[in-house]
Structures are given as C-alpha cells and as structure tokens.
Amino acid sequence: MKDIKSNYKILTPRIPKKLEEFQSLNNDIQNYDSLCTRVICDCSIENQTAEHVNFEEIIFRNVTFKNVSFRFLDLTDVRFENCDLSNIDFYGAIIHRVEMINCKILGANLSESTLQNVIFENCNGRYASFTFSQCKQVNFKDCLLNNAIFQEVKFDKVSFGNSNLQQAEMAGTKLKGIDLSNCEIEGIEVRKEDIYGAIVTPVQAVSLSKLLGLIIKI
C-alpha cells in the first residue's frame, strides 16, 4: 500500500550525540527520581515501581522491561530502540518528543496520558490501552494495533500509516480527518458519530456500512 505522509511536522527527540552507555539503571528507581543524558542498553529492567519519575535525553536500546510500573512518568527527548515494553504501566504519563522504533508494547497501559510529538514505528501494540489519552502530533507507522484500546481519546494531527487496527476499540474517539485508507480496519469498534469525516477506501466504507444502518444490495 502507498504510504500516506502527514502534512504536519513531528518534532524528534533532542538528544546529544555523545552519551555515556550503561547496562543497567544502577539503582532502583524511587518516586520523583530523575534520570538524564545517557544510553541504557542490552539489559533487563525488572520489578520497578515508582511514580512521577522523569526520564530526559535518554536512549533505551535493546532493553526489556519486566513487571515495571512508572505511573505519571515524564518522558522528554527519549528514544526506545528494539525494546520490549510489553505490559508496562505508564498510566498518566506525559510523553513529549519521543520515538519508539521496532518495539513491543503489547498490553502496555498508556491510559490518561498526554502524547505530543511522538512516533511509533514498526511497533507491536496489540492490546495496548490509550483510553482517555490526548494525542497531538502522533504518528503510528507500520504498527500492529489489533485489539488496541483508543476509547475516548482526543486526536489532533494523528496518523496511522500502514497499520493494523483490526478489532481496535475507538468508541468515543472522533476520527474526522483521520486517514485510515491504508490500514486494516476489519472489526474496528466505533460509533457512527465517531467515524464521521474519516478517510476510507470504498471497500472499507462497505465494511463500515453496518454502523450507518445501511443495507448494501449487490
């Protein structure tokens, strides 16, 4: 399928070119801790629970997160490369100028978060929850978002390029102006008032016709 380019610019992470590398967090993260300006790579971060943590100017590379809960996290100028964040709890996070590239975010909890200038590229986000979040200038590109939950989300300049949204839950999320024409959307759960103004293909329109109460005669 042809890739759809967004007509807005997403600001990328502002990260210094030369960073010291670490293969662990060194210490357990506590509430209100701040971690800045480094590369954390080739390691596993396990059994961490803290709130209001700040991560800034960090690259996480080949890192696996297990049993990690950082609620109300502040992520600014951060890049995740080839990381496994499955089932991570980032509830209420503020996420700004962040990239997730080739990452697993299966079942991740990003509910009630604020995302701005964020790129998800080639990520597996099946069953991830973005419920009640705000997404401004967010690009999902080549992502698996089957069964992901986008209920009551506010979209502003959001794109889904070549992504799989089958059985995604989007009730209460206005899709006006959102281009879904190069996405898989079979079984998507939306209300007819939510789908108004979305950009779809003729074939997709047929599959969405039940939401509009139409009976298509062939």
N, C-alpha and C. Protein backbone atom coordinates (compact mmCIF):
# COMPACT_ATOMS: atom_id res chain seq x y z
N MET A 1 0.83 -1.20 0.00
CA MET A 1 0.00 0.00 0.00
C MET A 1 0.87 1.26 0.00
N LYS A 2 0.35 2.29 -0.58
CA LYS A 2 1.08 3.55 -0.62
C LYS A 2 1.10 4.19 0.75
N ASP A 3 2.26 4.63 1.17
CA ASP A 3 2.39 5.28 2.47
C ASP A 3 1.81 6.68 2.39
N ILE A 4 1.04 7.04 3.43
CA ILE A 4 0.45 8.37 3.50
C ILE A 4 1.33 9.26 4.36
N LYS A 5 1.82 10.34 3.81
CA LYS A 5 2.66 11.25 4.57
C LYS A 5 1.79 12.28 5.28
N SER A 6 2.13 12.55 6.52
CA SER A 6 1.37 13.53 7.27
C SER A 6 1.73 14.93 6.79
N ASN A 7 0.77 15.85 6.92
CA ASN A 7 1.00 17.22 6.48
C ASN A 7 1.40 18.12 7.64
N TYR A 8 2.00 17.53 8.63
CA TYR A 8 2.49 18.29 9.78
C TYR A 8 3.83 17.71 10.20
N LYS A 9 4.60 18.50 10.89
CA LYS A 9 5.94 18.07 11.28
C LYS A 9 5.94 17.62 12.73
N ILE A 10 6.50 16.45 12.96
CA ILE A 10 6.65 15.94 14.33
C ILE A 10 8.06 16.24 14.80
N LEU A 11 8.17 16.88 15.93
CA LEU A 11 9.48 17.20 16.48
C LEU A 11 10.13 15.93 17.03
N THR A 12 11.36 15.67 16.64
CA THR A 12 12.07 14.47 17.08
C THR A 12 12.83 14.74 18.38
N PRO A 13 13.22 13.68 19.08
CA PRO A 13 13.94 13.87 20.36
C PRO A 13 15.23 14.67 20.20
N ARG A 14 15.45 15.57 21.12
CA ARG A 14 16.67 16.37 21.17
C ARG A 14 17.65 15.68 22.10
N ILE A 15 18.51 14.84 21.53
CA ILE A 15 19.41 14.02 22.31
C ILE A 15 20.85 14.32 21.90
N PRO A 16 21.74 14.58 22.85
CA PRO A 16 23.15 14.83 22.50
C PRO A 16 23.75 13.64 21.74
N LYS A 17 24.69 13.92 20.83
CA LYS A 17 25.28 12.87 20.02
C LYS A 17 26.18 11.95 20.84
N LYS A 18 26.87 12.50 21.82
CA LYS A 18 27.78 11.69 22.62
C LYS A 18 27.18 11.47 24.00
N LEU A 19 26.87 10.20 24.27
CA LEU A 19 26.27 9.84 25.54
C LEU A 19 27.02 8.67 26.16
N GLU A 20 27.14 8.67 27.47
CA GLU A 20 27.76 7.55 28.17
C GLU A 20 26.80 6.38 28.19
N GLU A 21 27.33 5.16 27.99
CA GLU A 21 26.50 3.98 27.96
C GLU A 21 26.50 3.26 29.31
N PHE A 22 25.30 2.77 29.68
CA PHE A 22 25.13 1.99 30.90
C PHE A 22 24.36 0.72 30.55
N GLN A 23 24.64 -0.36 31.26
CA GLN A 23 23.92 -1.60 31.02
C GLN A 23 23.01 -1.96 32.18
N SER A 24 22.62 -0.96 32.93
CA SER A 24 21.63 -1.12 33.99
C SER A 24 21.22 0.27 34.46
N LEU A 25 20.21 0.32 35.33
CA LEU A 25 19.83 1.60 35.94
C LEU A 25 20.74 1.95 37.11
N ASN A 26 21.58 1.02 37.50
CA ASN A 26 22.49 1.15 38.64
C ASN A 26 21.77 1.04 39.98
N ASN A 27 20.67 1.76 40.14
CA ASN A 27 19.91 1.71 41.38
C ASN A 27 18.43 1.61 41.07
N ASP A 28 17.65 1.13 42.05
CA ASP A 28 16.21 1.10 41.89
C ASP A 28 15.68 2.53 41.77
N ILE A 29 14.67 2.69 40.92
CA ILE A 29 14.05 3.99 40.74
C ILE A 29 13.04 4.25 41.85
N GLN A 30 13.10 5.43 42.44
CA GLN A 30 12.19 5.82 43.51
C GLN A 30 11.28 6.94 43.01
N ASN A 31 10.21 7.20 43.76
CA ASN A 31 9.30 8.29 43.41
C ASN A 31 10.07 9.60 43.21
N TYR A 32 9.73 10.31 42.15
CA TYR A 32 10.28 11.63 41.82
C TYR A 32 11.75 11.59 41.43
N ASP A 33 12.30 10.42 41.17
CA ASP A 33 13.67 10.35 40.67
C ASP A 33 13.77 10.92 39.26
N SER A 34 14.98 11.35 38.90
CA SER A 34 15.22 11.89 37.57
C SER A 34 16.45 11.20 36.97
N LEU A 35 16.32 10.77 35.73
CA LEU A 35 17.42 10.10 35.05
C LEU A 35 17.62 10.78 33.70
N CYS A 36 18.84 11.25 33.43
CA CYS A 36 19.05 12.10 32.26
C CYS A 36 20.34 11.74 31.51
N THR A 37 20.34 12.02 30.21
CA THR A 37 21.51 12.12 29.35
C THR A 37 22.42 10.89 29.43
N ARG A 38 21.92 9.80 28.84
CA ARG A 38 22.70 8.57 28.80
C ARG A 38 22.07 7.58 27.83
N VAL A 39 22.81 6.53 27.52
CA VAL A 39 22.28 5.40 26.78
C VAL A 39 22.18 4.22 27.74
N ILE A 40 21.03 3.61 27.80
CA ILE A 40 20.85 2.40 28.59
C ILE A 40 20.59 1.27 27.60
N CYS A 41 21.48 0.26 27.60
CA CYS A 41 21.42 -0.72 26.51
C CYS A 41 21.67 -2.14 26.99
N ASP A 42 21.15 -3.08 26.21
CA ASP A 42 21.46 -4.50 26.35
C ASP A 42 21.26 -5.00 27.78
N CYS A 43 20.09 -4.72 28.33
CA CYS A 43 19.84 -5.13 29.70
C CYS A 43 18.36 -5.36 29.93
N SER A 44 18.05 -5.81 31.12
CA SER A 44 16.67 -6.01 31.52
C SER A 44 16.40 -5.17 32.77
N ILE A 45 15.30 -4.43 32.74
CA ILE A 45 14.87 -3.64 33.89
C ILE A 45 13.65 -4.32 34.47
N GLU A 46 13.77 -4.79 35.71
CA GLU A 46 12.73 -5.64 36.27
C GLU A 46 12.27 -5.16 37.65
N ASN A 47 10.99 -5.44 37.91
CA ASN A 47 10.40 -5.25 39.24
C ASN A 47 10.63 -3.84 39.79
N GLN A 48 10.28 -2.85 38.96
CA GLN A 48 10.44 -1.45 39.35
C GLN A 48 9.05 -0.80 39.46
N THR A 49 8.82 -0.13 40.56
CA THR A 49 7.56 0.59 40.75
C THR A 49 7.86 1.95 41.35
N ALA A 50 7.43 3.00 40.66
CA ALA A 50 7.64 4.36 41.15
C ALA A 50 6.68 5.29 40.42
N GLU A 51 6.46 6.46 41.00
CA GLU A 51 5.58 7.45 40.39
C GLU A 51 6.32 8.78 40.22
N HIS A 52 5.86 9.55 39.24
CA HIS A 52 6.39 10.89 38.97
C HIS A 52 7.89 10.88 38.69
N VAL A 53 8.33 9.86 37.96
CA VAL A 53 9.74 9.77 37.56
C VAL A 53 9.95 10.58 36.28
N ASN A 54 11.16 11.13 36.13
CA ASN A 54 11.49 11.93 34.96
C ASN A 54 12.64 11.27 34.20
N PHE A 55 12.42 10.95 32.92
CA PHE A 55 13.47 10.47 32.03
C PHE A 55 13.65 11.51 30.93
N GLU A 56 14.88 11.98 30.73
CA GLU A 56 15.12 13.03 29.76
C GLU A 56 16.45 12.80 29.05
N GLU A 57 16.46 13.01 27.74
CA GLU A 57 17.65 12.84 26.90
C GLU A 57 18.27 11.46 27.10
N ILE A 58 17.46 10.43 26.87
CA ILE A 58 17.91 9.05 27.08
C ILE A 58 17.58 8.22 25.85
N ILE A 59 18.49 7.31 25.51
CA ILE A 59 18.22 6.28 24.52
C ILE A 59 18.17 4.94 25.25
N PHE A 60 17.06 4.24 25.13
CA PHE A 60 16.94 2.86 25.60
C PHE A 60 17.10 1.97 24.39
N ARG A 61 18.14 1.13 24.40
CA ARG A 61 18.43 0.29 23.23
C ARG A 61 18.54 -1.17 23.67
N ASN A 62 17.72 -2.02 23.06
CA ASN A 62 17.71 -3.46 23.38
C ASN A 62 17.48 -3.69 24.88
N VAL A 63 16.49 -3.02 25.40
CA VAL A 63 16.15 -3.13 26.81
C VAL A 63 14.80 -3.83 26.96
N THR A 64 14.72 -4.77 27.89
CA THR A 64 13.47 -5.45 28.20
C THR A 64 12.97 -4.98 29.56
N PHE A 65 11.71 -4.54 29.58
CA PHE A 65 11.09 -4.10 30.82
C PHE A 65 10.15 -5.20 31.31
N LYS A 66 10.36 -5.67 32.53
CA LYS A 66 9.52 -6.72 33.09
C LYS A 66 8.96 -6.27 34.44
N ASN A 67 7.64 -6.37 34.56
CA ASN A 67 6.98 -6.01 35.81
C ASN A 67 7.39 -4.59 36.25
N VAL A 68 7.20 -3.64 35.34
CA VAL A 68 7.59 -2.25 35.59
C VAL A 68 6.37 -1.34 35.57
N SER A 69 6.25 -0.51 36.59
CA SER A 69 5.16 0.47 36.68
C SER A 69 5.76 1.83 37.00
N PHE A 70 5.73 2.74 36.02
CA PHE A 70 6.16 4.12 36.23
C PHE A 70 4.96 5.02 35.94
N ARG A 71 4.05 5.11 36.88
CA ARG A 71 2.86 5.94 36.68
C ARG A 71 3.20 7.42 36.78
N PHE A 72 2.51 8.22 35.98
CA PHE A 72 2.73 9.67 35.93
C PHE A 72 4.18 10.00 35.55
N LEU A 73 4.73 9.17 34.70
CA LEU A 73 6.09 9.34 34.19
C LEU A 73 6.16 10.56 33.28
N ASP A 74 7.30 11.25 33.31
CA ASP A 74 7.58 12.35 32.39
C ASP A 74 8.70 11.91 31.47
N LEU A 75 8.35 11.67 30.19
CA LEU A 75 9.33 11.27 29.18
C LEU A 75 9.53 12.43 28.22
N THR A 76 10.73 12.97 28.17
CA THR A 76 11.02 14.07 27.26
C THR A 76 12.35 13.79 26.55
N ASP A 77 12.33 13.88 25.22
CA ASP A 77 13.53 13.64 24.42
C ASP A 77 14.12 12.26 24.71
N VAL A 78 13.32 11.25 24.43
CA VAL A 78 13.69 9.86 24.70
C VAL A 78 13.43 9.02 23.45
N ARG A 79 14.35 8.09 23.19
CA ARG A 79 14.17 7.15 22.09
C ARG A 79 14.29 5.72 22.61
N PHE A 80 13.31 4.88 22.23
CA PHE A 80 13.35 3.46 22.53
C PHE A 80 13.65 2.72 21.23
N GLU A 81 14.73 1.93 21.21
CA GLU A 81 15.10 1.18 20.01
C GLU A 81 15.14 -0.31 20.34
N ASN A 82 14.34 -1.10 19.63
CA ASN A 82 14.33 -2.55 19.81
C ASN A 82 14.12 -2.95 21.27
N CYS A 83 13.16 -2.32 21.90
CA CYS A 83 12.88 -2.59 23.31
C CYS A 83 11.58 -3.38 23.47
N ASP A 84 11.48 -4.11 24.55
CA ASP A 84 10.27 -4.84 24.89
C ASP A 84 9.64 -4.19 26.11
N LEU A 85 8.54 -3.46 25.87
CA LEU A 85 7.82 -2.79 26.94
C LEU A 85 6.44 -3.43 27.15
N SER A 86 6.34 -4.71 26.84
CA SER A 86 5.06 -5.39 26.96
C SER A 86 4.53 -5.30 28.39
N ASN A 87 3.25 -4.93 28.50
CA ASN A 87 2.53 -4.85 29.78
C ASN A 87 3.08 -3.80 30.73
N ILE A 88 3.87 -2.87 30.23
CA ILE A 88 4.38 -1.82 31.08
C ILE A 88 3.25 -0.88 31.49
N ASP A 89 3.36 -0.29 32.66
CA ASP A 89 2.33 0.62 33.16
C ASP A 89 2.87 2.04 33.14
N PHE A 90 2.45 2.81 32.12
CA PHE A 90 2.80 4.23 32.01
C PHE A 90 1.55 5.08 32.19
N TYR A 91 0.66 4.67 33.05
CA TYR A 91 -0.59 5.40 33.26
C TYR A 91 -0.32 6.87 33.61
N GLY A 92 -1.04 7.76 32.95
CA GLY A 92 -0.93 9.18 33.28
C GLY A 92 0.38 9.83 32.88
N ALA A 93 1.10 9.21 31.93
CA ALA A 93 2.41 9.75 31.55
C ALA A 93 2.29 11.00 30.69
N ILE A 94 3.32 11.83 30.76
CA ILE A 94 3.48 12.95 29.84
C ILE A 94 4.64 12.58 28.91
N ILE A 95 4.35 12.45 27.63
CA ILE A 95 5.32 11.91 26.67
C ILE A 95 5.52 12.92 25.56
N HIS A 96 6.71 13.50 25.48
CA HIS A 96 6.96 14.60 24.54
C HIS A 96 8.29 14.40 23.83
N ARG A 97 8.26 14.52 22.52
CA ARG A 97 9.42 14.29 21.66
C ARG A 97 10.04 12.93 21.99
N VAL A 98 9.26 11.89 21.70
CA VAL A 98 9.66 10.51 22.00
C VAL A 98 9.47 9.65 20.76
N GLU A 99 10.41 8.75 20.52
CA GLU A 99 10.31 7.78 19.43
C GLU A 99 10.37 6.37 20.00
N MET A 100 9.49 5.51 19.51
CA MET A 100 9.56 4.08 19.79
C MET A 100 9.73 3.37 18.46
N ILE A 101 10.90 2.79 18.24
CA ILE A 101 11.24 2.18 16.96
C ILE A 101 11.47 0.69 17.16
N ASN A 102 10.74 -0.13 16.41
CA ASN A 102 10.89 -1.59 16.49
C ASN A 102 10.71 -2.10 17.92
N CYS A 103 9.68 -1.65 18.56
CA CYS A 103 9.45 -2.02 19.95
C CYS A 103 8.19 -2.85 20.12
N LYS A 104 8.15 -3.61 21.21
CA LYS A 104 6.94 -4.31 21.62
C LYS A 104 6.28 -3.53 22.75
N ILE A 105 5.01 -3.18 22.55
CA ILE A 105 4.25 -2.53 23.61
C ILE A 105 2.93 -3.27 23.82
N LEU A 106 2.99 -4.60 23.68
CA LEU A 106 1.79 -5.41 23.84
C LEU A 106 1.20 -5.20 25.23
N GLY A 107 -0.07 -4.88 25.28
CA GLY A 107 -0.76 -4.74 26.55
C GLY A 107 -0.28 -3.59 27.40
N ALA A 108 0.51 -2.68 26.83
CA ALA A 108 1.02 -1.54 27.61
C ALA A 108 -0.14 -0.64 28.04
N ASN A 109 -0.02 -0.08 29.23
CA ASN A 109 -1.05 0.83 29.75
C ASN A 109 -0.57 2.27 29.63
N LEU A 110 -1.15 2.99 28.65
CA LEU A 110 -0.86 4.40 28.46
C LEU A 110 -2.13 5.22 28.67
N SER A 111 -3.04 4.70 29.46
CA SER A 111 -4.31 5.37 29.70
C SER A 111 -4.10 6.72 30.37
N GLU A 112 -4.94 7.68 29.99
CA GLU A 112 -4.94 9.03 30.58
C GLU A 112 -3.57 9.70 30.48
N SER A 113 -2.87 9.40 29.39
CA SER A 113 -1.56 10.02 29.15
C SER A 113 -1.70 11.16 28.15
N THR A 114 -0.67 11.99 28.11
CA THR A 114 -0.60 13.09 27.15
C THR A 114 0.59 12.84 26.24
N LEU A 115 0.33 12.64 24.95
CA LEU A 115 1.39 12.36 23.99
C LEU A 115 1.44 13.50 22.97
N GLN A 116 2.64 14.06 22.79
CA GLN A 116 2.82 15.11 21.81
C GLN A 116 4.17 14.95 21.14
N ASN A 117 4.17 15.02 19.81
CA ASN A 117 5.39 14.80 19.03
C ASN A 117 5.98 13.42 19.34
N VAL A 118 5.17 12.40 19.05
CA VAL A 118 5.56 11.02 19.34
C VAL A 118 5.44 10.18 18.08
N ILE A 119 6.45 9.34 17.85
CA ILE A 119 6.45 8.43 16.71
C ILE A 119 6.53 6.99 17.21
N PHE A 120 5.59 6.17 16.75
CA PHE A 120 5.64 4.73 16.94
C PHE A 120 5.89 4.13 15.56
N GLU A 121 7.02 3.49 15.37
CA GLU A 121 7.35 2.93 14.05
C GLU A 121 7.68 1.45 14.17
N ASN A 122 6.96 0.64 13.37
CA ASN A 122 7.16 -0.80 13.37
C ASN A 122 7.06 -1.37 14.78
N CYS A 123 6.02 -0.98 15.49
CA CYS A 123 5.82 -1.44 16.87
C CYS A 123 4.64 -2.42 16.94
N ASN A 124 4.75 -3.36 17.85
CA ASN A 124 3.66 -4.29 18.12
C ASN A 124 2.92 -3.80 19.36
N GLY A 125 1.76 -3.16 19.12
CA GLY A 125 0.99 -2.59 20.22
C GLY A 125 -0.35 -3.27 20.41
N ARG A 126 -0.42 -4.56 20.12
CA ARG A 126 -1.68 -5.26 20.31
C ARG A 126 -2.12 -5.18 21.78
N TYR A 127 -3.38 -4.92 21.97
CA TYR A 127 -4.00 -4.84 23.30
C TYR A 127 -3.48 -3.67 24.14
N ALA A 128 -2.68 -2.79 23.58
CA ALA A 128 -2.24 -1.61 24.33
C ALA A 128 -3.43 -0.69 24.58
N SER A 129 -3.41 0.00 25.71
CA SER A 129 -4.53 0.89 26.06
C SER A 129 -4.09 2.34 26.09
N PHE A 130 -4.81 3.17 25.31
CA PHE A 130 -4.62 4.62 25.29
C PHE A 130 -5.88 5.34 25.79
N THR A 131 -6.71 4.65 26.53
CA THR A 131 -8.01 5.17 26.94
C THR A 131 -7.88 6.53 27.63
N PHE A 132 -8.75 7.47 27.23
CA PHE A 132 -8.82 8.81 27.82
C PHE A 132 -7.52 9.60 27.68
N SER A 133 -6.68 9.23 26.72
CA SER A 133 -5.44 9.97 26.49
C SER A 133 -5.66 11.11 25.50
N GLN A 134 -4.66 11.99 25.42
CA GLN A 134 -4.65 13.06 24.45
C GLN A 134 -3.44 12.87 23.54
N CYS A 135 -3.69 12.79 22.24
CA CYS A 135 -2.63 12.56 21.28
C CYS A 135 -2.57 13.72 20.30
N LYS A 136 -1.49 14.46 20.33
CA LYS A 136 -1.31 15.58 19.42
C LYS A 136 0.01 15.40 18.67
N GLN A 137 -0.07 15.42 17.34
CA GLN A 137 1.09 15.20 16.50
C GLN A 137 1.76 13.86 16.87
N VAL A 138 0.99 12.82 16.64
CA VAL A 138 1.44 11.45 16.92
C VAL A 138 1.31 10.63 15.64
N ASN A 139 2.35 9.89 15.32
CA ASN A 139 2.39 9.09 14.09
C ASN A 139 2.60 7.62 14.44
N PHE A 140 1.61 6.79 14.08
CA PHE A 140 1.76 5.34 14.16
C PHE A 140 2.07 4.85 12.75
N LYS A 141 3.25 4.30 12.55
CA LYS A 141 3.66 3.88 11.21
C LYS A 141 4.05 2.40 11.22
N ASP A 142 3.40 1.61 10.34
CA ASP A 142 3.70 0.18 10.22
C ASP A 142 3.57 -0.52 11.57
N CYS A 143 2.49 -0.23 12.28
CA CYS A 143 2.29 -0.79 13.62
C CYS A 143 1.17 -1.82 13.64
N LEU A 144 1.31 -2.81 14.51
CA LEU A 144 0.24 -3.75 14.81
C LEU A 144 -0.51 -3.21 16.02
N LEU A 145 -1.77 -2.84 15.79
CA LEU A 145 -2.59 -2.27 16.86
C LEU A 145 -3.90 -3.05 16.99
N ASN A 146 -3.84 -4.33 16.63
CA ASN A 146 -5.02 -5.17 16.77
C ASN A 146 -5.50 -5.17 18.21
N ASN A 147 -6.80 -4.99 18.40
CA ASN A 147 -7.40 -5.03 19.73
C ASN A 147 -6.88 -3.95 20.68
N ALA A 148 -6.16 -2.97 20.13
CA ALA A 148 -5.73 -1.85 20.98
C ALA A 148 -6.96 -1.03 21.38
N ILE A 149 -6.84 -0.32 22.48
CA ILE A 149 -7.97 0.43 23.03
C ILE A 149 -7.68 1.92 22.93
N PHE A 150 -8.48 2.60 22.11
CA PHE A 150 -8.38 4.05 21.93
C PHE A 150 -9.71 4.70 22.32
N GLN A 151 -10.36 4.23 23.33
CA GLN A 151 -11.65 4.77 23.72
C GLN A 151 -11.51 6.16 24.34
N GLU A 152 -12.38 7.07 23.91
CA GLU A 152 -12.44 8.42 24.47
C GLU A 152 -11.08 9.13 24.40
N VAL A 153 -10.39 8.95 23.28
CA VAL A 153 -9.10 9.61 23.07
C VAL A 153 -9.31 10.86 22.23
N LYS A 154 -8.57 11.91 22.53
CA LYS A 154 -8.62 13.14 21.75
C LYS A 154 -7.46 13.13 20.76
N PHE A 155 -7.80 13.09 19.45
CA PHE A 155 -6.81 13.09 18.39
C PHE A 155 -6.68 14.49 17.80
N ASP A 156 -5.44 14.94 17.64
CA ASP A 156 -5.15 16.20 16.97
C ASP A 156 -3.88 15.99 16.15
N LYS A 157 -4.04 15.93 14.83
CA LYS A 157 -2.91 15.69 13.93
C LYS A 157 -2.27 14.33 14.25
N VAL A 158 -3.08 13.29 14.09
CA VAL A 158 -2.65 11.91 14.32
C VAL A 158 -2.76 11.13 13.02
N SER A 159 -1.77 10.29 12.73
CA SER A 159 -1.82 9.48 11.52
C SER A 159 -1.52 8.02 11.84
N PHE A 160 -2.15 7.15 11.04
CA PHE A 160 -1.92 5.71 11.13
C PHE A 160 -1.47 5.24 9.75
N GLY A 161 -0.19 5.10 9.54
CA GLY A 161 0.33 4.71 8.23
C GLY A 161 0.58 3.22 8.15
N ASN A 162 -0.12 2.54 7.23
CA ASN A 162 0.09 1.10 7.03
C ASN A 162 0.01 0.31 8.33
N SER A 163 -0.96 0.63 9.15
CA SER A 163 -1.09 -0.03 10.45
C SER A 163 -2.31 -0.93 10.49
N ASN A 164 -2.26 -1.92 11.37
CA ASN A 164 -3.35 -2.87 11.53
C ASN A 164 -4.18 -2.47 12.74
N LEU A 165 -5.42 -2.07 12.48
CA LEU A 165 -6.34 -1.63 13.53
C LEU A 165 -7.53 -2.59 13.67
N GLN A 166 -7.34 -3.82 13.25
CA GLN A 166 -8.43 -4.77 13.34
C GLN A 166 -8.88 -4.97 14.79
N GLN A 167 -10.18 -4.92 15.00
CA GLN A 167 -10.80 -5.09 16.32
C GLN A 167 -10.35 -4.03 17.34
N ALA A 168 -9.75 -2.95 16.88
CA ALA A 168 -9.40 -1.87 17.81
C ALA A 168 -10.67 -1.21 18.32
N GLU A 169 -10.64 -0.80 19.58
CA GLU A 169 -11.79 -0.16 20.20
C GLU A 169 -11.58 1.35 20.18
N MET A 170 -12.47 2.07 19.47
CA MET A 170 -12.32 3.51 19.31
C MET A 170 -13.60 4.26 19.64
N ALA A 171 -14.48 3.66 20.40
CA ALA A 171 -15.73 4.32 20.75
C ALA A 171 -15.45 5.60 21.52
N GLY A 172 -16.11 6.67 21.13
CA GLY A 172 -15.93 7.95 21.82
C GLY A 172 -14.76 8.76 21.31
N THR A 173 -14.08 8.26 20.27
CA THR A 173 -12.92 8.96 19.70
C THR A 173 -13.28 9.48 18.32
N LYS A 174 -13.21 10.79 18.15
CA LYS A 174 -13.58 11.40 16.87
C LYS A 174 -12.49 11.14 15.83
N LEU A 175 -12.89 10.56 14.71
CA LEU A 175 -11.94 10.20 13.66
C LEU A 175 -12.01 11.13 12.45
N LYS A 176 -12.67 12.25 12.59
CA LYS A 176 -12.79 13.19 11.49
C LYS A 176 -11.39 13.63 11.02
N GLY A 177 -11.15 13.47 9.71
CA GLY A 177 -9.87 13.87 9.14
C GLY A 177 -8.76 12.83 9.28
N ILE A 178 -9.02 11.73 10.00
CA ILE A 178 -8.01 10.69 10.16
C ILE A 178 -8.04 9.79 8.93
N ASP A 179 -6.88 9.61 8.30
CA ASP A 179 -6.78 8.79 7.09
C ASP A 179 -6.53 7.33 7.48
N LEU A 180 -7.55 6.51 7.26
CA LEU A 180 -7.45 5.08 7.54
C LEU A 180 -7.36 4.26 6.27
N SER A 181 -7.17 4.92 5.14
CA SER A 181 -7.30 4.25 3.85
C SER A 181 -6.22 3.20 3.59
N ASN A 182 -5.08 3.30 4.26
CA ASN A 182 -4.04 2.28 4.06
C ASN A 182 -3.86 1.41 5.30
N CYS A 183 -4.93 1.29 6.09
CA CYS A 183 -4.91 0.48 7.30
C CYS A 183 -5.89 -0.69 7.18
N GLU A 184 -5.63 -1.73 7.97
CA GLU A 184 -6.60 -2.82 8.11
C GLU A 184 -7.54 -2.45 9.26
N ILE A 185 -8.84 -2.36 8.97
CA ILE A 185 -9.77 -1.88 10.00
C ILE A 185 -10.95 -2.84 10.22
N GLU A 186 -10.85 -4.08 9.73
CA GLU A 186 -11.94 -5.01 9.91
C GLU A 186 -12.25 -5.21 11.40
N GLY A 187 -13.50 -5.10 11.74
CA GLY A 187 -13.92 -5.33 13.13
C GLY A 187 -13.66 -4.17 14.06
N ILE A 188 -13.25 -3.03 13.53
CA ILE A 188 -13.00 -1.87 14.38
C ILE A 188 -14.29 -1.48 15.10
N GLU A 189 -14.19 -1.13 16.36
CA GLU A 189 -15.36 -0.79 17.15
C GLU A 189 -15.44 0.73 17.32
N VAL A 190 -16.37 1.33 16.59
CA VAL A 190 -16.60 2.77 16.67
C VAL A 190 -18.10 3.02 16.62
N ARG A 191 -18.50 4.20 17.05
CA ARG A 191 -19.88 4.62 16.89
C ARG A 191 -20.01 5.39 15.59
N LYS A 192 -21.20 5.43 15.04
CA LYS A 192 -21.35 6.09 13.74
C LYS A 192 -21.01 7.57 13.82
N GLU A 193 -21.24 8.20 14.96
CA GLU A 193 -20.88 9.61 15.09
C GLU A 193 -19.36 9.80 15.18
N ASP A 194 -18.64 8.74 15.58
CA ASP A 194 -17.18 8.84 15.68
C ASP A 194 -16.51 8.72 14.31
N ILE A 195 -17.08 7.91 13.44
CA ILE A 195 -16.46 7.65 12.14
C ILE A 195 -16.72 8.77 11.14
N TYR A 196 -17.61 9.69 11.48
CA TYR A 196 -17.95 10.79 10.57
C TYR A 196 -16.71 11.58 10.17
N GLY A 197 -16.49 11.72 8.89
CA GLY A 197 -15.38 12.52 8.39
C GLY A 197 -14.06 11.78 8.27
N ALA A 198 -14.02 10.49 8.65
CA ALA A 198 -12.79 9.71 8.48
C ALA A 198 -12.56 9.43 6.99
N ILE A 199 -11.31 9.25 6.62
CA ILE A 199 -10.95 8.99 5.22
C ILE A 199 -10.74 7.49 5.05
N VAL A 200 -11.58 6.87 4.20
CA VAL A 200 -11.52 5.43 4.00
C VAL A 200 -11.64 5.11 2.51
N THR A 201 -11.34 3.87 2.16
CA THR A 201 -11.50 3.40 0.78
C THR A 201 -12.94 2.93 0.57
N PRO A 202 -13.35 2.76 -0.70
CA PRO A 202 -14.69 2.23 -0.95
C PRO A 202 -14.93 0.87 -0.29
N VAL A 203 -13.93 0.00 -0.31
CA VAL A 203 -14.08 -1.31 0.32
C VAL A 203 -14.27 -1.16 1.83
N GLN A 204 -13.48 -0.28 2.44
CA GLN A 204 -13.64 -0.04 3.87
C GLN A 204 -15.01 0.54 4.18
N ALA A 205 -15.51 1.40 3.30
CA ALA A 205 -16.82 2.01 3.51
C ALA A 205 -17.91 0.95 3.56
N VAL A 206 -17.75 -0.07 2.72
CA VAL A 206 -18.73 -1.16 2.74
C VAL A 206 -18.69 -1.89 4.08
N SER A 207 -17.50 -2.16 4.59
CA SER A 207 -17.39 -2.88 5.86
C SER A 207 -17.91 -2.04 7.03
N LEU A 208 -17.88 -0.71 6.87
CA LEU A 208 -18.38 0.18 7.93
C LEU A 208 -19.86 0.50 7.77
N SER A 209 -20.46 0.01 6.69
CA SER A 209 -21.84 0.40 6.39
C SER A 209 -22.83 0.00 7.47
N LYS A 210 -22.54 -1.09 8.19
CA LYS A 210 -23.45 -1.53 9.25
C LYS A 210 -23.58 -0.48 10.35
N LEU A 211 -22.49 0.26 10.56
CA LEU A 211 -22.53 1.30 11.59
C LEU A 211 -23.52 2.40 11.23
N LEU A 212 -23.72 2.57 9.92
CA LEU A 212 -24.61 3.62 9.44
C LEU A 212 -26.03 3.11 9.19
N GLY A 213 -26.23 1.84 9.48
CA GLY A 213 -27.54 1.27 9.29
C GLY A 213 -27.90 1.03 7.83
N LEU A 214 -26.87 0.91 6.98
CA LEU A 214 -27.13 0.72 5.54
C LEU A 214 -27.23 -0.76 5.20
N ILE A 215 -28.04 -1.05 4.22
CA ILE A 215 -28.11 -2.39 3.65
C ILE A 215 -27.65 -2.26 2.20
N ILE A 216 -26.53 -2.90 1.88
CA ILE A 216 -25.96 -2.77 0.54
C ILE A 216 -26.44 -3.93 -0.32
N LYS A 217 -27.08 -3.59 -1.40
CA LYS A 217 -27.60 -4.58 -2.32
C LYS A 217 -26.64 -4.77 -3.47
N ILE A 218 -26.26 -6.01 -3.70
CA ILE A 218 -25.31 -6.32 -4.77
C ILE A 218 -26.08 -6.91 -5.96
